[in-house]
Structure formats: structure tokens, C-alpha cells
Amino acid sequence: MKFGLFYQLPCAPTQDEVTRYHETIEQIVYADELGFDVAWLAELHFNRPFSIMPAPLILATAIAQHTKRIRLGTAVSLLPLQHPLRAAEDAATVDILSQGRLEFGIGRGTIAVHFQGFAVSRDQSRERFEEALAIIEQAWTQDTCAFEGKHFRIPPTAVAPKPLQKPHPPLRIAANSPETAAFAGERGYAVLIASPINPFPKLPNHVEGYRQAFRAAGHHNKKSDAAILFPLYVEETDSQVRGTVEPSIMHYFRTVSQQAQLGQRDQSASYAYLREVRQRMGSVTWEEIDQTMGVYGTPETCVRKLQEAHSQCGMEQVVCWFNPGGLIPHRQVLASMKRFAAEVMPAVRGL
């Protein structure tokens, strides 16, 4: 079992951007010392309460200068919103500057304000994602890249630099829809799945859909690989968890609902789903979070919950989301990370 951390970097009205960035860097430097395997950095745009991290590769470069071992991942780079050759160049540069520690997580994206802000059709996201992925892999592995697609047309072009890792940095696809999970399995990619989007009891079936597609495609030279993101917090007593975590994670779900409301300014059929998102995220309860998606409690409770999750899902990586909503004080996050590394990680590392 490997262990990651996830950062979205929300910024509430009472917080400031500079402090939020510096605390994130400090936490990941500490995670490197504690033995975490990878830090995953989101790419999100145009909504300060939800996130102030539009450029995770830039942040990864800064973190690389302060860490020695921990790998640095994007979770995820939104390929439909950028030119694939620029994405290939930037990611290869980060791989070099981090001495080969980049994990390139990629996805289509679903958030309406992203597509609206960049004037990209959400209806084209799957096509643009698949074309961009093919171009990036070609740009990294061949001397000359050329492509003729529906959305991207590239004449023979030499892309430099190439990544330090060969043939390229590990790729991992955010696979939170059945269609994307099947696509990733068929193509033999690793996946990242989020429990807030696919909570229990849905989660094991979703993971198995990915693995079935992987097996059916006959990838004999590689293994399937599922990383699962859990809101997670370790406290000294179970009774302390709710008081510490609930205000922050409920703030997160409120910002998701507000973001969906903002996206509804576009009344096209493509965004009809936002009404359902807004209602669901606005009505979620603490009990639902704790029972179906969160790993909260004492070290013993968290060990038990992760063992149960592994027995049902068989994930290869647990991605710890210590502070959804961003309102848990920095020092308390560091303390929870320390408890996890000292008392939870050793008990489940062998799964």
C-alpha cells in the first residue's frame, strides 16, 4: 500500500493566499519527512473559496526544491482546457527539476465555470482529453510529434525537453464516471477515484468496473492500479473528530453547491446536471460523510476502516485528504498527519 496526500487549496474570506500556499508547502515538506509517498495537487480555476491553485505544476516545482523523496503529482491536470504540447513541455520540465519525481495525473474535468471561463465546450471534453493524451505521450516518446485530429492539428514538431523518467512520468487518470473508468481500464492506465463522488456502497463496484475493463483488455505486462481519495483525519479520541472536522468539510460541500449555482448561468442542456449537483451537495449530512466516504477517528478506528475499505476495493494507494474545506488550523493538520504516519500507516502498509 502507498500513501498520498491531496491538496485543493480553498481560501475562505478569512484566509489569505500567501499563508495558504506557505502552509501547504510546509505540510508537504513534513509529509516527506513522515514517509508519505506522493503529494497530489489539484488544478482548479475561477473560484477563490473553492481553490486558489490554478497551476499545480508551478507549485510542484517549488515543493521539489524543499523535498528529497516524496513524489509530486497533479490531481489532475485538466487536459481539455490547455494545449497538449504546452502541457507536455511544462510537465517534462517539472520532471527534470524534481529529479524524476513527477506523477502526471490527468482528467477531463466537469466543473462548469472552468469550461465557461476558458470558452471551451464541455460537450467536447472527452474528445479533447483523448486527443491531448495521445499527443502528450507521442511528444514525450518520439523525436517528432505530429497529429491530425478533430480539435488539435500539429505539424511535425520537435518537443523539448523530454521527461527525465523513461519512457515518461507515470500517468494516472481521474476516473469518477463509469465511462472514464472503463476507458482507463481498456487502455491500461492507473486511476484515481474519489470517495466523495463514489461513496460506499457504490465505491467497490466502481473500482471493479475499472478492473474488469483492465482484465478484459489483456494487459499482461502491467497491473491495474487504483488510488482512492478519502477525507481522512486522525484524532486522539473518536469524540473529538466531529468538532474538529465537521465545520471544514461542510464548508467544502457548501462551496461545491455554490459553484454549481454559479455554473448555472449557462442554461444549455450540457449544464442541466448542475441542479442535481447543487441539491445533493447542499443537503449532505455529517452522518452521511462519516459513514460513506470519510476515514475519521482514533488510529485504531482509522486502521479498521482502511482494512475494511481494502477488503472491498483492493486499492493500491490511499490518498489522504486531511483538510477538505481548508478550515482546520494548520498545526492541527500537522498533528493529524503525524498520528497517521506513526500509528495508522505501519498497520496498513502491508495490505
Protein backbone atom coordinates (compact mmCIF):
# COMPACT_ATOMS: atom_id res chain seq x y z
CA MET A 1 0.00 0.00 0.00
CA LYS A 2 1.18 3.50 -0.84
CA PHE A 3 0.02 6.68 0.84
CA GLY A 4 -0.63 10.05 -0.71
CA LEU A 5 -1.98 13.43 0.33
CA PHE A 6 -4.41 15.58 -1.64
CA TYR A 7 -4.48 19.37 -1.80
CA GLN A 8 -7.19 21.51 -3.35
CA LEU A 9 -6.21 24.76 -1.60
CA PRO A 10 -9.51 26.51 -0.85
CA CYS A 11 -9.27 30.01 0.54
CA ALA A 12 -12.08 31.31 2.74
CA PRO A 13 -12.75 35.06 3.12
CA THR A 14 -10.94 34.98 6.48
CA GLN A 15 -7.79 33.46 4.94
CA ASP A 16 -5.10 34.90 2.69
CA GLU A 17 -3.45 33.36 -0.35
CA VAL A 18 0.16 33.73 0.80
CA THR A 19 -0.44 31.90 4.09
CA ARG A 20 -2.43 29.13 2.42
CA TYR A 21 0.41 28.44 -0.03
CA HIS A 22 3.14 28.51 2.59
CA GLU A 23 1.22 26.20 4.91
CA THR A 24 0.63 23.76 2.06
CA ILE A 25 4.35 23.68 1.27
CA GLU A 26 5.19 23.19 4.96
CA GLN A 27 2.74 20.28 5.21
CA ILE A 28 4.20 18.53 2.17
CA VAL A 29 7.77 19.02 3.41
CA TYR A 30 6.63 17.42 6.68
CA ALA A 31 4.90 14.62 4.75
CA ASP A 32 8.23 13.91 3.04
CA GLU A 33 9.85 13.51 6.47
CA LEU A 34 6.99 11.32 7.73
CA GLY A 35 7.21 8.85 4.86
CA PHE A 36 4.23 9.68 2.66
CA ASP A 37 4.75 8.55 -0.92
CA VAL A 38 3.16 11.27 -3.05
CA ALA A 39 1.51 14.69 -2.76
CA TRP A 40 -1.34 15.24 -5.22
CA LEU A 41 -2.08 18.83 -6.29
CA ALA A 42 -5.36 19.83 -7.93
CA GLU A 43 -5.86 22.15 -10.90
CA LEU A 44 -8.89 24.38 -10.29
CA HIS A 45 -9.91 27.80 -11.58
CA PHE A 46 -12.06 30.89 -11.06
CA ASN A 47 -13.49 30.33 -7.58
CA ARG A 48 -11.40 31.53 -4.62
CA PRO A 49 -13.44 29.88 -1.83
CA PHE A 50 -13.12 26.55 -3.67
CA SER A 51 -9.46 26.78 -4.71
CA ILE A 52 -6.60 29.17 -5.40
CA MET A 53 -4.47 26.56 -7.20
CA PRO A 54 -4.77 27.03 -10.98
CA ALA A 55 -1.17 25.97 -11.67
CA PRO A 56 -0.19 22.81 -9.74
CA LEU A 57 2.94 22.23 -11.81
CA ILE A 58 4.34 25.57 -10.66
CA LEU A 59 3.64 24.64 -7.05
CA ALA A 60 5.18 21.20 -7.60
CA THR A 61 8.37 22.86 -8.84
CA ALA A 62 8.57 24.99 -5.70
CA ILE A 63 7.95 21.98 -3.44
CA ALA A 64 10.59 19.95 -5.27
CA GLN A 65 13.24 22.41 -4.11
CA HIS A 66 12.36 21.73 -0.44
CA THR A 67 11.86 17.94 -0.50
CA LYS A 68 14.03 14.94 -1.25
CA ARG A 69 11.91 11.82 -1.68
CA ILE A 70 8.18 12.43 -1.89
CA ARG A 71 6.73 12.25 -5.38
CA LEU A 72 4.71 15.18 -6.71
CA GLY A 73 1.53 14.61 -8.65
CA THR A 74 -1.17 16.56 -10.43
CA ALA A 75 -4.69 15.54 -9.45
CA VAL A 76 -5.45 16.42 -12.04
CA SER A 77 -4.15 18.40 -14.99
CA LEU A 78 -7.27 19.34 -16.96
CA LEU A 79 -6.24 18.39 -20.49
CA PRO A 80 -9.29 19.76 -22.35
CA LEU A 81 -8.50 23.28 -21.13
CA GLN A 82 -4.92 23.58 -22.42
CA HIS A 83 -2.82 22.90 -25.47
CA PRO A 84 -1.27 19.44 -25.14
CA LEU A 85 2.17 20.47 -26.37
CA ARG A 86 2.40 23.13 -23.67
CA ALA A 87 1.25 20.59 -21.10
CA ALA A 88 3.94 18.17 -22.32
CA GLU A 89 6.65 20.83 -22.12
CA ASP A 90 5.66 22.05 -18.66
CA ALA A 91 5.33 18.58 -17.17
CA ALA A 92 8.65 17.42 -18.63
CA THR A 93 10.36 20.48 -17.14
CA VAL A 94 8.91 19.71 -13.70
CA ASP A 95 10.06 16.11 -14.01
CA ILE A 96 13.61 17.31 -14.64
CA LEU A 97 13.59 19.91 -11.84
CA SER A 98 12.19 17.37 -9.37
CA GLN A 99 14.81 14.79 -10.39
CA GLY A 100 12.21 12.41 -11.81
CA ARG A 101 9.53 12.66 -9.13
CA LEU A 102 6.54 13.77 -11.22
CA GLU A 103 3.31 11.76 -11.27
CA PHE A 104 1.14 13.12 -14.08
CA GLY A 105 -2.49 12.80 -13.09
CA ILE A 106 -4.88 13.83 -15.84
CA GLY A 107 -8.59 14.27 -16.32
CA ARG A 108 -11.41 15.71 -18.39
CA GLY A 109 -12.85 17.98 -15.73
CA THR A 110 -16.52 18.55 -15.01
CA ILE A 111 -16.76 21.96 -13.36
CA ALA A 112 -18.87 24.32 -15.42
CA VAL A 113 -17.08 27.57 -14.55
CA HIS A 114 -13.81 26.13 -15.87
CA PHE A 115 -15.20 25.47 -19.33
CA GLN A 116 -17.12 28.74 -19.36
CA GLY A 117 -14.09 30.76 -18.29
CA PHE A 118 -11.84 29.26 -20.95
CA ALA A 119 -14.63 29.27 -23.58
CA VAL A 120 -14.28 25.53 -24.17
CA SER A 121 -17.34 23.40 -24.84
CA ARG A 122 -17.92 20.88 -22.07
CA ASP A 123 -19.54 18.62 -24.66
CA GLN A 124 -16.13 18.29 -26.31
CA SER A 125 -14.25 17.41 -23.14
CA ARG A 126 -13.92 13.67 -23.76
CA GLU A 127 -12.74 14.11 -27.36
CA ARG A 128 -10.28 16.85 -26.41
CA PHE A 129 -8.97 14.79 -23.48
CA GLU A 130 -8.32 11.68 -25.57
CA GLU A 131 -6.62 13.65 -28.35
CA ALA A 132 -4.48 15.57 -25.86
CA LEU A 133 -3.39 12.40 -24.10
CA ALA A 134 -2.30 10.80 -27.35
CA ILE A 135 -0.33 13.93 -28.30
CA ILE A 136 1.44 14.20 -24.92
CA GLU A 137 2.56 10.57 -24.97
CA GLN A 138 3.85 10.99 -28.51
CA ALA A 139 5.62 14.25 -27.66
CA TRP A 140 7.42 12.57 -24.74
CA THR A 141 8.49 9.39 -26.51
CA GLN A 142 9.25 10.39 -30.11
CA ASP A 143 11.72 12.80 -31.62
CA THR A 144 8.99 14.41 -33.68
CA CYS A 145 5.32 14.76 -32.80
CA ALA A 146 2.64 15.07 -35.49
CA PHE A 147 -1.13 14.78 -35.06
CA GLU A 148 -4.26 15.34 -37.11
CA GLY A 149 -7.42 15.29 -35.00
CA LYS A 150 -10.75 17.00 -34.66
CA HIS A 151 -9.59 19.51 -32.06
CA PHE A 152 -5.78 19.53 -32.34
CA ARG A 153 -3.72 19.63 -35.55
CA ILE A 154 0.04 19.55 -35.13
CA PRO A 155 2.59 19.58 -37.96
CA PRO A 156 5.83 17.65 -37.37
CA THR A 157 7.16 19.30 -34.22
CA ALA A 158 10.18 18.53 -32.03
CA VAL A 159 9.19 18.90 -28.36
CA ALA A 160 11.91 19.58 -25.79
CA PRO A 161 12.79 18.84 -23.12
CA LYS A 162 11.88 15.21 -22.72
CA PRO A 163 11.00 13.97 -19.22
CA LEU A 164 13.73 12.53 -17.04
CA GLN A 165 11.65 9.40 -16.34
CA LYS A 166 11.54 6.92 -19.21
CA PRO A 167 9.52 6.41 -21.23
CA HIS A 168 7.65 9.17 -19.37
CA PRO A 169 6.28 10.06 -15.92
CA PRO A 170 3.60 7.68 -14.60
CA LEU A 171 0.13 8.57 -15.88
CA ARG A 172 -2.98 8.32 -13.73
CA ILE A 173 -6.49 9.18 -14.89
CA ALA A 174 -9.21 10.62 -12.66
CA ALA A 175 -11.91 8.01 -13.23
CA ASN A 176 -15.03 9.02 -11.35
CA SER A 177 -17.54 8.16 -14.07
CA PRO A 178 -18.16 4.59 -15.27
CA GLU A 179 -17.22 5.63 -18.81
CA THR A 180 -13.84 7.03 -17.80
CA ALA A 181 -13.14 4.06 -15.52
CA ALA A 182 -13.78 1.73 -18.46
CA PHE A 183 -11.62 3.86 -20.78
CA ALA A 184 -8.72 3.80 -18.30
CA GLY A 185 -9.01 0.05 -17.81
CA GLU A 186 -9.17 -0.67 -21.53
CA ARG A 187 -6.08 1.47 -22.17
CA GLY A 188 -4.17 0.12 -19.19
CA TYR A 189 -3.83 3.30 -17.13
CA ALA A 190 -3.77 3.71 -13.37
CA VAL A 191 -6.75 5.56 -11.89
CA LEU A 192 -7.62 7.98 -9.12
CA ILE A 193 -11.12 7.63 -7.67
CA ALA A 194 -12.68 9.97 -5.10
CA SER A 195 -14.94 8.62 -2.38
CA PRO A 196 -16.98 11.88 -2.13
CA ILE A 197 -18.04 11.28 -5.76
CA ASN A 198 -18.30 7.49 -5.49
CA PRO A 199 -19.16 6.81 -1.83
CA PHE A 200 -19.86 3.48 -0.21
CA PRO A 201 -21.68 1.24 -1.02
CA LYS A 202 -21.13 2.35 -4.65
CA LEU A 203 -17.33 2.54 -4.43
CA PRO A 204 -16.35 -1.18 -4.65
CA ASN A 205 -18.49 -1.73 -7.77
CA HIS A 206 -16.97 1.33 -9.40
CA VAL A 207 -13.43 0.09 -8.75
CA GLU A 208 -14.36 -3.37 -10.01
CA GLY A 209 -15.71 -1.86 -13.23
CA TYR A 210 -12.25 -0.42 -13.86
CA ARG A 211 -10.53 -3.71 -13.07
CA GLN A 212 -12.91 -5.72 -15.27
CA ALA A 213 -12.12 -3.46 -18.22
CA PHE A 214 -8.42 -3.79 -17.46
CA ARG A 215 -8.59 -7.59 -17.38
CA ALA A 216 -10.75 -7.81 -20.50
CA ALA A 217 -8.19 -5.77 -22.44
CA GLY A 218 -5.49 -8.33 -21.65
CA HIS A 219 -2.76 -6.09 -20.24
CA HIS A 220 -0.38 -8.91 -19.41
CA ASN A 221 2.69 -6.71 -18.97
CA LYS A 222 1.25 -4.43 -16.29
CA LYS A 223 -1.05 -4.44 -13.27
CA SER A 224 -4.17 -2.42 -12.60
CA ASP A 225 -3.64 0.35 -10.06
CA ALA A 226 -6.37 2.19 -8.18
CA ALA A 227 -5.69 5.09 -5.82
CA ILE A 228 -8.70 6.06 -3.73
CA LEU A 229 -9.11 9.50 -2.17
CA PHE A 230 -10.70 9.59 1.29
CA PRO A 231 -11.44 12.56 3.54
CA LEU A 232 -9.33 11.45 6.48
CA TYR A 233 -8.46 12.72 9.93
CA VAL A 234 -6.86 11.03 12.94
CA GLU A 235 -7.61 12.26 16.47
CA GLU A 236 -6.76 11.09 19.96
CA THR A 237 -10.41 10.17 20.62
CA ASP A 238 -13.33 9.44 18.30
CA SER A 239 -15.44 12.07 20.05
CA GLN A 240 -13.01 14.86 19.12
CA VAL A 241 -13.19 14.26 15.38
CA ARG A 242 -16.57 15.75 14.63
CA GLY A 243 -15.87 19.02 16.40
CA THR A 244 -12.58 19.41 14.54
CA VAL A 245 -13.59 18.27 11.07
CA GLU A 246 -17.29 18.99 10.57
CA PRO A 247 -17.13 22.80 10.09
CA SER A 248 -14.41 22.45 7.44
CA ILE A 249 -15.85 19.63 5.38
CA MET A 250 -19.37 21.08 5.50
CA HIS A 251 -17.86 24.32 4.22
CA TYR A 252 -16.37 22.30 1.35
CA PHE A 253 -19.73 20.86 0.34
CA ARG A 254 -21.34 24.31 0.54
CA THR A 255 -18.70 25.72 -1.82
CA VAL A 256 -19.38 22.85 -4.27
CA SER A 257 -23.07 23.72 -4.19
CA GLN A 258 -22.33 27.43 -4.68
CA GLN A 259 -20.00 26.64 -7.56
CA ALA A 260 -22.74 24.61 -9.23
CA GLN A 261 -25.09 27.55 -8.82
CA LEU A 262 -22.56 29.84 -10.49
CA GLY A 263 -22.23 27.40 -13.39
CA GLN A 264 -25.97 27.52 -13.99
CA ARG A 265 -25.56 30.94 -15.62
CA ASP A 266 -25.19 28.85 -18.79
CA GLN A 267 -28.66 27.41 -19.44
CA SER A 268 -27.60 24.94 -22.16
CA ALA A 269 -28.55 21.29 -21.85
CA SER A 270 -24.91 20.44 -21.15
CA TYR A 271 -25.23 22.02 -17.70
CA ALA A 272 -28.62 20.65 -16.66
CA TYR A 273 -26.80 18.28 -14.30
CA LEU A 274 -25.75 21.21 -12.10
CA ARG A 275 -29.17 21.48 -10.49
CA GLU A 276 -28.84 17.94 -9.18
CA VAL A 277 -25.24 18.56 -8.03
CA ARG A 278 -26.31 21.67 -6.16
CA GLN A 279 -29.16 19.89 -4.40
CA ARG A 280 -27.10 16.83 -3.47
CA MET A 281 -24.08 18.73 -2.19
CA GLY A 282 -26.26 21.22 -0.36
CA SER A 283 -28.13 18.51 1.54
CA VAL A 284 -25.26 16.19 2.54
CA THR A 285 -25.03 15.50 6.28
CA TRP A 286 -22.14 14.79 8.63
CA GLU A 287 -23.50 11.32 9.28
CA GLU A 288 -23.51 10.57 5.54
CA ILE A 289 -19.94 11.82 5.16
CA ASP A 290 -18.70 9.83 8.16
CA GLN A 291 -20.43 6.59 7.16
CA THR A 292 -19.96 6.53 3.37
CA MET A 293 -16.80 8.45 2.46
CA GLY A 294 -14.72 9.57 5.45
CA VAL A 295 -12.00 7.77 7.39
CA TYR A 296 -12.24 9.51 10.75
CA GLY A 297 -11.37 8.59 14.32
CA THR A 298 -8.60 7.31 16.55
CA PRO A 299 -5.66 5.49 14.97
CA GLU A 300 -7.36 2.19 15.80
CA THR A 301 -10.62 3.29 14.17
CA CYS A 302 -8.83 4.53 11.04
CA VAL A 303 -6.87 1.27 10.75
CA ARG A 304 -10.11 -0.71 10.95
CA LYS A 305 -11.86 1.49 8.37
CA LEU A 306 -8.97 1.25 5.92
CA GLN A 307 -8.75 -2.51 6.35
CA GLU A 308 -12.48 -2.76 5.62
CA ALA A 309 -12.17 -0.48 2.59
CA HIS A 310 -9.25 -2.53 1.27
CA SER A 311 -11.15 -5.79 1.70
CA GLN A 312 -13.89 -4.38 -0.55
CA CYS A 313 -11.88 -2.29 -3.03
CA GLY A 314 -8.34 -3.66 -3.03
CA MET A 315 -6.84 -0.22 -3.68
CA GLU A 316 -3.10 0.13 -4.18
CA GLN A 317 -2.92 3.65 -2.77
CA VAL A 318 -4.79 5.57 -0.06
CA VAL A 319 -4.88 9.29 -0.77
CA CYS A 320 -5.47 11.22 2.46
CA TRP A 321 -7.49 14.42 2.24
CA PHE A 322 -6.76 15.84 5.67
CA ASN A 323 -8.50 19.19 5.30
CA PRO A 324 -11.41 19.45 2.82
CA GLY A 325 -12.70 22.99 3.11
CA GLY A 326 -9.35 24.26 4.38
CA LEU A 327 -10.66 25.47 7.76
CA ILE A 328 -8.83 23.07 10.10
CA PRO A 329 -5.91 25.02 11.62
CA HIS A 330 -2.52 24.26 10.14
CA ARG A 331 -0.94 22.91 13.36
CA GLN A 332 -3.83 20.53 13.90
CA VAL A 333 -3.42 19.18 10.35
CA LEU A 334 0.25 18.56 11.03
CA ALA A 335 -0.64 16.71 14.24
CA SER A 336 -3.15 14.50 12.40
CA MET A 337 -0.58 13.74 9.71
CA LYS A 338 1.90 12.72 12.42
CA ARG A 339 -0.63 10.40 14.08
CA PHE A 340 -1.47 8.81 10.74
CA ALA A 341 2.18 8.24 9.84
CA ALA A 342 3.13 6.89 13.25
CA GLU A 343 0.12 4.73 14.12
CA VAL A 344 -2.00 4.06 11.01
CA MET A 345 0.43 3.81 8.12
CA PRO A 346 2.56 0.98 9.63
CA ALA A 347 -0.56 -1.09 10.38
CA VAL A 348 -1.89 -1.00 6.81
CA ARG A 349 1.28 -0.58 4.73
CA GLY A 350 1.41 -4.34 4.14
CA LEU A 351 -2.09 -4.64 2.66
